[in-house]
N, C-alpha and C. Protein backbone atom coordinates (compact mmCIF):
# COMPACT_ATOMS: atom_id res chain seq x y z
N MET A 1 85.80 82.23 57.04
CA MET A 1 86.80 81.26 56.95
C MET A 1 86.20 79.87 56.77
N LYS A 2 85.10 79.63 57.42
CA LYS A 2 84.44 78.37 57.26
C LYS A 2 84.04 78.14 55.82
N THR A 3 83.60 79.17 55.14
CA THR A 3 83.20 79.04 53.75
C THR A 3 84.39 78.68 52.87
N ASP A 4 85.57 79.25 53.16
CA ASP A 4 86.75 78.92 52.36
C ASP A 4 87.12 77.46 52.54
N ARG A 5 87.07 77.04 53.78
CA ARG A 5 87.41 75.66 54.03
C ARG A 5 86.37 74.72 53.39
N PHE A 6 85.12 75.07 53.45
CA PHE A 6 84.04 74.26 52.88
C PHE A 6 84.20 74.18 51.36
N GLU A 7 84.51 75.34 50.74
CA GLU A 7 84.70 75.36 49.29
C GLU A 7 85.94 74.56 48.92
N HIS A 8 86.99 74.66 49.72
CA HIS A 8 88.21 73.92 49.44
C HIS A 8 87.96 72.42 49.54
N GLN A 9 87.19 71.99 50.52
CA GLN A 9 86.87 70.59 50.69
C GLN A 9 86.00 70.11 49.53
N LEU A 10 85.02 70.92 49.07
CA LEU A 10 84.17 70.55 47.93
C LEU A 10 85.00 70.41 46.67
N THR A 11 85.95 71.30 46.50
CA THR A 11 86.82 71.25 45.33
C THR A 11 87.66 69.99 45.37
N ASN A 12 88.19 69.66 46.49
CA ASN A 12 88.99 68.43 46.64
C ASN A 12 88.14 67.19 46.39
N ASN A 13 86.94 67.20 46.95
CA ASN A 13 86.04 66.06 46.73
C ASN A 13 85.71 65.90 45.25
N ALA A 14 85.42 66.99 44.56
CA ALA A 14 85.10 66.95 43.13
C ALA A 14 86.30 66.46 42.35
N ARG A 15 87.50 66.94 42.74
CA ARG A 15 88.73 66.53 42.07
C ARG A 15 88.96 65.02 42.30
N ASP A 16 88.74 64.55 43.51
CA ASP A 16 88.92 63.12 43.81
C ASP A 16 87.91 62.28 43.03
N PHE A 17 86.68 62.75 42.99
CA PHE A 17 85.63 62.03 42.26
C PHE A 17 85.95 61.97 40.77
N ALA A 18 86.38 63.06 40.16
CA ALA A 18 86.75 63.11 38.74
C ALA A 18 87.91 62.16 38.50
N ARG A 19 88.86 62.14 39.46
CA ARG A 19 90.01 61.24 39.31
C ARG A 19 89.56 59.79 39.35
N GLN A 20 88.62 59.47 40.22
CA GLN A 20 88.10 58.11 40.30
C GLN A 20 87.38 57.71 38.99
N ILE A 21 86.62 58.64 38.45
CA ILE A 21 85.93 58.36 37.17
C ILE A 21 86.96 58.11 36.08
N TRP A 22 87.99 58.92 36.08
CA TRP A 22 89.05 58.76 35.07
C TRP A 22 89.73 57.40 35.23
N LEU A 23 90.03 57.02 36.46
CA LEU A 23 90.68 55.74 36.71
C LEU A 23 89.77 54.57 36.35
N ALA A 24 88.48 54.70 36.62
CA ALA A 24 87.51 53.65 36.26
C ALA A 24 87.47 53.49 34.74
N GLY A 25 87.49 54.59 34.01
CA GLY A 25 87.51 54.53 32.55
C GLY A 25 88.74 53.84 32.04
N LEU A 26 89.92 54.18 32.65
CA LEU A 26 91.17 53.53 32.26
C LEU A 26 91.13 52.04 32.56
N GLY A 27 90.55 51.69 33.70
CA GLY A 27 90.42 50.27 34.07
C GLY A 27 89.53 49.52 33.08
N ALA A 28 88.43 50.15 32.69
CA ALA A 28 87.53 49.53 31.71
C ALA A 28 88.23 49.37 30.38
N PHE A 29 89.01 50.36 30.00
CA PHE A 29 89.76 50.29 28.74
C PHE A 29 90.78 49.14 28.79
N ALA A 30 91.51 49.04 29.92
CA ALA A 30 92.52 47.99 30.06
C ALA A 30 91.87 46.61 30.02
N ARG A 31 90.76 46.45 30.72
CA ARG A 31 90.07 45.17 30.74
C ARG A 31 89.54 44.83 29.35
N THR A 32 89.03 45.83 28.66
CA THR A 32 88.50 45.61 27.32
C THR A 32 89.61 45.15 26.39
N GLN A 33 90.78 45.74 26.55
CA GLN A 33 91.91 45.32 25.72
C GLN A 33 92.28 43.87 26.02
N GLU A 34 92.30 43.52 27.30
CA GLU A 34 92.66 42.16 27.69
C GLU A 34 91.60 41.16 27.27
N GLU A 35 90.37 41.46 27.55
CA GLU A 35 89.29 40.51 27.34
C GLU A 35 88.45 40.86 26.11
N GLY A 36 88.90 41.81 25.31
CA GLY A 36 88.11 42.28 24.16
C GLY A 36 87.78 41.19 23.18
N GLY A 37 88.78 40.35 22.83
CA GLY A 37 88.54 39.27 21.87
C GLY A 37 87.51 38.29 22.39
N LYS A 38 87.66 37.92 23.69
CA LYS A 38 86.70 36.99 24.30
C LYS A 38 85.30 37.60 24.35
N PHE A 39 85.26 38.85 24.73
CA PHE A 39 83.97 39.55 24.83
C PHE A 39 83.30 39.64 23.46
N PHE A 40 84.10 39.97 22.43
CA PHE A 40 83.55 40.07 21.08
C PHE A 40 83.01 38.72 20.62
N ASP A 41 83.78 37.66 20.85
CA ASP A 41 83.33 36.32 20.46
C ASP A 41 82.03 35.95 21.18
N ALA A 42 81.96 36.29 22.47
CA ALA A 42 80.74 36.00 23.24
C ALA A 42 79.55 36.76 22.65
N LEU A 43 79.78 38.02 22.26
CA LEU A 43 78.69 38.80 21.66
C LEU A 43 78.25 38.20 20.32
N VAL A 44 79.21 37.73 19.53
CA VAL A 44 78.87 37.11 18.23
C VAL A 44 78.03 35.86 18.47
N GLN A 45 78.41 35.04 19.45
CA GLN A 45 77.65 33.82 19.74
C GLN A 45 76.24 34.15 20.20
N GLU A 46 76.11 35.13 21.05
CA GLU A 46 74.77 35.55 21.51
C GLU A 46 73.95 36.08 20.34
N GLY A 47 74.62 36.84 19.46
CA GLY A 47 73.92 37.37 18.29
C GLY A 47 73.43 36.25 17.37
N GLN A 48 74.27 35.22 17.19
CA GLN A 48 73.86 34.09 16.36
C GLN A 48 72.67 33.36 16.98
N ALA A 49 72.70 33.19 18.28
CA ALA A 49 71.60 32.51 18.96
C ALA A 49 70.31 33.31 18.79
N VAL A 50 70.40 34.61 18.96
CA VAL A 50 69.21 35.46 18.80
C VAL A 50 68.73 35.41 17.35
N ASP A 51 69.67 35.45 16.39
CA ASP A 51 69.31 35.40 14.97
C ASP A 51 68.60 34.09 14.63
N ASN A 52 69.16 32.97 15.12
CA ASN A 52 68.52 31.67 14.86
C ASN A 52 67.13 31.61 15.47
N GLN A 53 66.98 32.13 16.67
CA GLN A 53 65.67 32.14 17.33
C GLN A 53 64.67 32.99 16.54
N MET A 54 65.14 34.14 16.04
CA MET A 54 64.25 35.02 15.26
C MET A 54 63.84 34.34 13.96
N LYS A 55 64.77 33.65 13.29
CA LYS A 55 64.44 32.93 12.05
C LYS A 55 63.41 31.84 12.32
N LYS A 56 63.64 31.09 13.40
CA LYS A 56 62.72 30.02 13.75
C LYS A 56 61.32 30.58 14.03
N THR A 57 61.27 31.65 14.78
CA THR A 57 59.99 32.28 15.09
C THR A 57 59.33 32.82 13.83
N ALA A 58 60.12 33.42 12.95
CA ALA A 58 59.57 33.96 11.70
C ALA A 58 59.00 32.84 10.83
N GLU A 59 59.72 31.70 10.77
CA GLU A 59 59.22 30.58 9.97
C GLU A 59 57.93 30.03 10.56
N GLU A 60 57.89 29.91 11.89
CA GLU A 60 56.68 29.42 12.54
C GLU A 60 55.49 30.33 12.27
N LYS A 61 55.73 31.62 12.31
CA LYS A 61 54.65 32.58 12.11
C LYS A 61 54.29 32.74 10.64
N SER A 62 55.29 32.56 9.74
CA SER A 62 55.03 32.78 8.32
C SER A 62 54.27 31.61 7.69
N GLY A 63 54.39 30.41 8.27
CA GLY A 63 53.66 29.25 7.73
C GLY A 63 52.16 29.51 7.64
N PRO A 64 51.51 29.85 8.73
CA PRO A 64 50.07 30.13 8.66
C PRO A 64 49.75 31.33 7.75
N VAL A 65 50.65 32.31 7.73
CA VAL A 65 50.42 33.47 6.86
C VAL A 65 50.45 33.03 5.41
N LYS A 66 51.43 32.18 5.04
CA LYS A 66 51.52 31.69 3.67
C LYS A 66 50.27 30.89 3.30
N GLU A 67 49.80 30.07 4.23
CA GLU A 67 48.58 29.30 3.98
C GLU A 67 47.39 30.24 3.79
N SER A 68 47.32 31.27 4.59
CA SER A 68 46.23 32.24 4.46
C SER A 68 46.30 32.96 3.13
N VAL A 69 47.51 33.32 2.71
CA VAL A 69 47.68 33.99 1.42
C VAL A 69 47.24 33.06 0.30
N GLY A 70 47.63 31.78 0.37
CA GLY A 70 47.21 30.82 -0.65
C GLY A 70 45.70 30.69 -0.71
N ALA A 71 45.08 30.60 0.47
CA ALA A 71 43.61 30.50 0.51
C ALA A 71 42.97 31.76 -0.07
N MET A 72 43.55 32.91 0.23
CA MET A 72 43.00 34.17 -0.30
C MET A 72 43.13 34.21 -1.83
N LYS A 73 44.28 33.74 -2.36
CA LYS A 73 44.46 33.70 -3.80
C LYS A 73 43.40 32.81 -4.45
N ASP A 74 43.16 31.66 -3.84
CA ASP A 74 42.13 30.76 -4.37
C ASP A 74 40.76 31.43 -4.35
N LYS A 75 40.46 32.10 -3.26
CA LYS A 75 39.17 32.77 -3.12
C LYS A 75 39.04 33.89 -4.16
N VAL A 76 40.11 34.66 -4.34
CA VAL A 76 40.10 35.74 -5.34
C VAL A 76 39.89 35.15 -6.73
N GLY A 77 40.54 34.00 -7.01
CA GLY A 77 40.37 33.35 -8.31
C GLY A 77 38.93 32.94 -8.53
N GLU A 78 38.30 32.38 -7.51
CA GLU A 78 36.89 31.98 -7.62
C GLU A 78 36.01 33.20 -7.88
N ILE A 79 36.24 34.25 -7.14
CA ILE A 79 35.42 35.46 -7.30
C ILE A 79 35.63 36.05 -8.69
N ARG A 80 36.88 36.07 -9.17
CA ARG A 80 37.17 36.59 -10.51
C ARG A 80 36.46 35.76 -11.57
N ASP A 81 36.49 34.42 -11.41
CA ASP A 81 35.82 33.55 -12.37
C ASP A 81 34.31 33.80 -12.38
N LYS A 82 33.74 33.97 -11.20
CA LYS A 82 32.30 34.25 -11.13
C LYS A 82 31.98 35.58 -11.79
N ALA A 83 32.81 36.59 -11.51
CA ALA A 83 32.57 37.92 -12.09
C ALA A 83 32.72 37.87 -13.60
N THR A 84 33.72 37.14 -14.09
CA THR A 84 33.92 37.03 -15.54
C THR A 84 32.74 36.32 -16.18
N GLY A 85 32.27 35.27 -15.53
CA GLY A 85 31.10 34.55 -16.04
C GLY A 85 29.88 35.45 -16.10
N ALA A 86 29.69 36.23 -15.07
CA ALA A 86 28.54 37.14 -15.04
C ALA A 86 28.65 38.18 -16.16
N TRP A 87 29.86 38.72 -16.37
CA TRP A 87 30.03 39.72 -17.44
C TRP A 87 29.80 39.10 -18.81
N ASN A 88 30.29 37.87 -18.99
CA ASN A 88 30.08 37.20 -20.27
C ASN A 88 28.60 36.97 -20.53
N LYS A 89 27.90 36.55 -19.49
CA LYS A 89 26.46 36.32 -19.62
C LYS A 89 25.74 37.63 -19.96
N LEU A 90 26.11 38.69 -19.27
CA LEU A 90 25.50 40.00 -19.52
C LEU A 90 25.79 40.45 -20.95
N GLU A 91 27.01 40.21 -21.41
CA GLU A 91 27.39 40.60 -22.78
C GLU A 91 26.56 39.82 -23.80
N GLU A 92 26.37 38.52 -23.56
CA GLU A 92 25.57 37.71 -24.48
C GLU A 92 24.12 38.22 -24.53
N VAL A 93 23.56 38.51 -23.37
CA VAL A 93 22.19 39.02 -23.32
C VAL A 93 22.09 40.34 -24.08
N PHE A 94 23.07 41.21 -23.87
CA PHE A 94 23.08 42.50 -24.55
C PHE A 94 23.17 42.32 -26.05
N GLN A 95 24.09 41.45 -26.51
CA GLN A 95 24.25 41.22 -27.94
C GLN A 95 22.98 40.65 -28.56
N THR A 96 22.34 39.74 -27.86
CA THR A 96 21.10 39.14 -28.36
C THR A 96 20.02 40.20 -28.51
N ARG A 97 19.89 41.03 -27.53
CA ARG A 97 18.85 42.07 -27.58
C ARG A 97 19.13 43.10 -28.67
N VAL A 98 20.39 43.48 -28.82
CA VAL A 98 20.75 44.43 -29.88
C VAL A 98 20.48 43.82 -31.24
N ALA A 99 20.86 42.55 -31.43
CA ALA A 99 20.62 41.87 -32.71
C ALA A 99 19.13 41.80 -33.01
N ARG A 100 18.32 41.49 -32.00
CA ARG A 100 16.87 41.41 -32.19
C ARG A 100 16.31 42.78 -32.59
N ALA A 101 16.78 43.84 -31.94
CA ALA A 101 16.30 45.19 -32.26
C ALA A 101 16.70 45.58 -33.69
N LEU A 102 17.93 45.24 -34.08
CA LEU A 102 18.38 45.56 -35.45
C LEU A 102 17.58 44.78 -36.48
N ARG A 103 17.26 43.52 -36.18
CA ARG A 103 16.43 42.73 -37.10
C ARG A 103 15.05 43.37 -37.28
N ARG A 104 14.46 43.84 -36.19
CA ARG A 104 13.14 44.50 -36.27
C ARG A 104 13.20 45.75 -37.13
N LEU A 105 14.34 46.45 -37.08
CA LEU A 105 14.49 47.67 -37.86
C LEU A 105 14.85 47.38 -39.32
N GLY A 106 15.14 46.11 -39.62
CA GLY A 106 15.46 45.75 -41.00
C GLY A 106 16.92 45.96 -41.36
N VAL A 107 17.79 46.09 -40.38
CA VAL A 107 19.21 46.26 -40.64
C VAL A 107 19.79 44.89 -41.00
N PRO A 108 20.50 44.80 -42.12
CA PRO A 108 21.04 43.49 -42.52
C PRO A 108 22.13 43.02 -41.55
N THR A 109 22.19 41.70 -41.39
CA THR A 109 23.19 41.11 -40.51
C THR A 109 24.48 40.87 -41.28
N LYS A 110 25.48 40.43 -40.58
CA LYS A 110 26.77 40.11 -41.20
C LYS A 110 26.59 39.00 -42.23
N ASP A 111 25.78 38.00 -41.91
CA ASP A 111 25.53 36.90 -42.85
C ASP A 111 24.82 37.40 -44.10
N ASP A 112 23.86 38.32 -43.93
CA ASP A 112 23.15 38.87 -45.09
C ASP A 112 24.13 39.59 -46.02
N ILE A 113 25.02 40.36 -45.43
CA ILE A 113 25.99 41.10 -46.23
C ILE A 113 26.97 40.14 -46.91
N GLN A 114 27.37 39.09 -46.22
CA GLN A 114 28.27 38.09 -46.81
C GLN A 114 27.59 37.42 -48.01
N GLN A 115 26.29 37.10 -47.91
CA GLN A 115 25.56 36.50 -49.04
C GLN A 115 25.53 37.47 -50.22
N LEU A 116 25.35 38.75 -49.94
CA LEU A 116 25.35 39.74 -51.02
C LEU A 116 26.71 39.79 -51.71
N PHE A 117 27.78 39.74 -50.94
CA PHE A 117 29.12 39.72 -51.54
C PHE A 117 29.30 38.50 -52.44
N GLU A 118 28.84 37.34 -51.97
CA GLU A 118 28.96 36.12 -52.77
C GLU A 118 28.15 36.25 -54.06
N GLN A 119 26.96 36.81 -53.99
CA GLN A 119 26.14 37.00 -55.19
C GLN A 119 26.81 37.98 -56.16
N VAL A 120 27.41 39.04 -55.64
CA VAL A 120 28.11 40.00 -56.49
C VAL A 120 29.28 39.30 -57.18
N ASP A 121 30.01 38.43 -56.45
CA ASP A 121 31.12 37.70 -57.06
C ASP A 121 30.63 36.80 -58.18
N VAL A 122 29.52 36.10 -57.98
CA VAL A 122 28.95 35.22 -59.03
C VAL A 122 28.55 36.06 -60.24
N LEU A 123 27.88 37.17 -60.01
CA LEU A 123 27.45 38.03 -61.11
C LEU A 123 28.65 38.58 -61.87
N THR A 124 29.71 38.95 -61.16
CA THR A 124 30.92 39.48 -61.80
C THR A 124 31.53 38.41 -62.70
N ARG A 125 31.61 37.18 -62.21
CA ARG A 125 32.16 36.10 -63.04
C ARG A 125 31.29 35.87 -64.28
N ASN A 126 29.97 35.89 -64.09
CA ASN A 126 29.06 35.70 -65.24
C ASN A 126 29.26 36.80 -66.28
N ILE A 127 29.39 38.02 -65.82
CA ILE A 127 29.59 39.15 -66.76
C ILE A 127 30.90 38.97 -67.50
N GLN A 128 31.94 38.56 -66.80
CA GLN A 128 33.24 38.35 -67.45
C GLN A 128 33.16 37.24 -68.49
N GLU A 129 32.45 36.16 -68.16
CA GLU A 129 32.30 35.06 -69.12
C GLU A 129 31.52 35.51 -70.34
N LEU A 130 30.44 36.25 -70.12
CA LEU A 130 29.63 36.73 -71.25
C LEU A 130 30.42 37.70 -72.11
N THR A 131 31.18 38.58 -71.48
CA THR A 131 31.99 39.54 -72.23
C THR A 131 33.03 38.81 -73.06
N GLN A 132 33.64 37.81 -72.49
CA GLN A 132 34.64 37.03 -73.21
C GLN A 132 34.00 36.27 -74.37
N ALA A 133 32.82 35.69 -74.14
CA ALA A 133 32.12 34.95 -75.20
C ALA A 133 31.74 35.89 -76.33
N GLU A 134 31.27 37.09 -75.98
CA GLU A 134 30.88 38.07 -76.98
C GLU A 134 32.09 38.50 -77.81
N ALA A 135 33.23 38.67 -77.14
CA ALA A 135 34.46 39.05 -77.84
C ALA A 135 34.88 37.95 -78.80
N GLU A 136 34.73 36.70 -78.38
CA GLU A 136 35.09 35.59 -79.26
C GLU A 136 34.17 35.54 -80.49
N ILE A 137 32.89 35.79 -80.28
CA ILE A 137 31.94 35.78 -81.41
C ILE A 137 32.28 36.90 -82.38
N LYS A 138 32.57 38.07 -81.87
CA LYS A 138 32.93 39.19 -82.74
C LYS A 138 34.22 38.89 -83.51
N ALA A 139 35.15 38.24 -82.84
CA ALA A 139 36.41 37.90 -83.50
C ALA A 139 36.18 36.91 -84.63
N ARG A 140 35.26 35.97 -84.46
CA ARG A 140 34.96 35.00 -85.51
C ARG A 140 34.30 35.67 -86.71
N LYS A 141 33.40 36.58 -86.41
CA LYS A 141 32.69 37.26 -87.50
C LYS A 141 33.62 38.19 -88.25
N ALA A 142 34.58 38.74 -87.58
CA ALA A 142 35.46 39.71 -88.22
C ALA A 142 36.51 39.03 -89.09
N ARG A 143 36.78 37.74 -88.94
CA ARG A 143 37.78 37.05 -89.76
C ARG A 143 37.27 36.90 -91.19
N PRO A 144 38.08 37.30 -92.11
CA PRO A 144 37.66 37.08 -93.50
C PRO A 144 37.83 35.61 -93.87
N VAL A 145 36.92 35.14 -94.64
CA VAL A 145 36.95 33.75 -95.07
C VAL A 145 37.58 33.72 -96.45
N LYS A 146 38.56 32.87 -96.66
CA LYS A 146 39.22 32.75 -97.96
C LYS A 146 38.70 31.49 -98.65
N PHE A 147 38.28 31.71 -99.87
CA PHE A 147 37.81 30.57 -100.65
C PHE A 147 38.75 30.41 -101.82
N THR A 148 39.04 29.22 -102.16
CA THR A 148 39.90 28.98 -103.30
C THR A 148 39.10 28.91 -104.59
N GLU A 149 37.87 28.51 -104.54
CA GLU A 149 37.03 28.44 -105.73
C GLU A 149 35.93 29.47 -105.61
N PRO A 150 35.49 29.95 -106.72
CA PRO A 150 34.37 30.87 -106.63
C PRO A 150 33.14 30.16 -106.14
N VAL A 151 32.50 30.80 -105.22
CA VAL A 151 31.31 30.22 -104.64
C VAL A 151 30.16 31.15 -104.95
N ALA A 152 29.07 30.54 -105.20
CA ALA A 152 27.88 31.36 -105.47
C ALA A 152 27.42 31.96 -104.18
N ARG A 153 27.01 33.15 -104.33
CA ARG A 153 26.59 33.89 -103.16
C ARG A 153 25.25 33.44 -102.68
N VAL A 154 25.20 33.18 -101.38
CA VAL A 154 23.94 32.75 -100.79
C VAL A 154 23.46 33.87 -99.87
N ALA A 155 22.17 34.12 -99.98
CA ALA A 155 21.62 35.20 -99.15
C ALA A 155 21.64 34.76 -97.68
N GLU A 156 22.06 35.66 -96.85
CA GLU A 156 22.10 35.37 -95.42
C GLU A 156 20.72 35.53 -94.82
N PRO A 157 20.35 34.63 -93.98
CA PRO A 157 19.03 34.75 -93.34
C PRO A 157 19.03 35.95 -92.38
N ALA A 158 17.91 36.57 -92.23
CA ALA A 158 17.75 37.71 -91.33
C ALA A 158 17.65 37.23 -89.91
N VAL A 159 18.31 37.92 -89.12
CA VAL A 159 18.32 37.52 -87.71
C VAL A 159 17.39 38.38 -86.91
């Protein structure tokens, strides 16, 4: 019998406790309805304050970072310029050595080939002029000469 009474009391206690939790939830709901607008506005204000503080902190921290990034960009630019200069110098040395080796082997340079082209152009013009002059001479010799009076024939000198 003691166990029945003990179980009955535990059940009542659990029921009372559940009822209290339910009533507390209803009370919180009622208060939220009454003060919900005020509470929401207060949360918005706190959120704005936190947001402003975070922006301020971010700006304070980003200033030195931006300066560091700028300094790093300058440093990278200097290093790139030095590397480019070194590559250009190496390329010049390489080209000079290759040109010297080709000269020793007797390989003509670009300037030598350009001079040959110019000489070929001069020779071509000379040939064209001579061909044209020869054609003109042949044309003169081929024209018949008309005489109105009989002329005594003169022997042509041998060429």
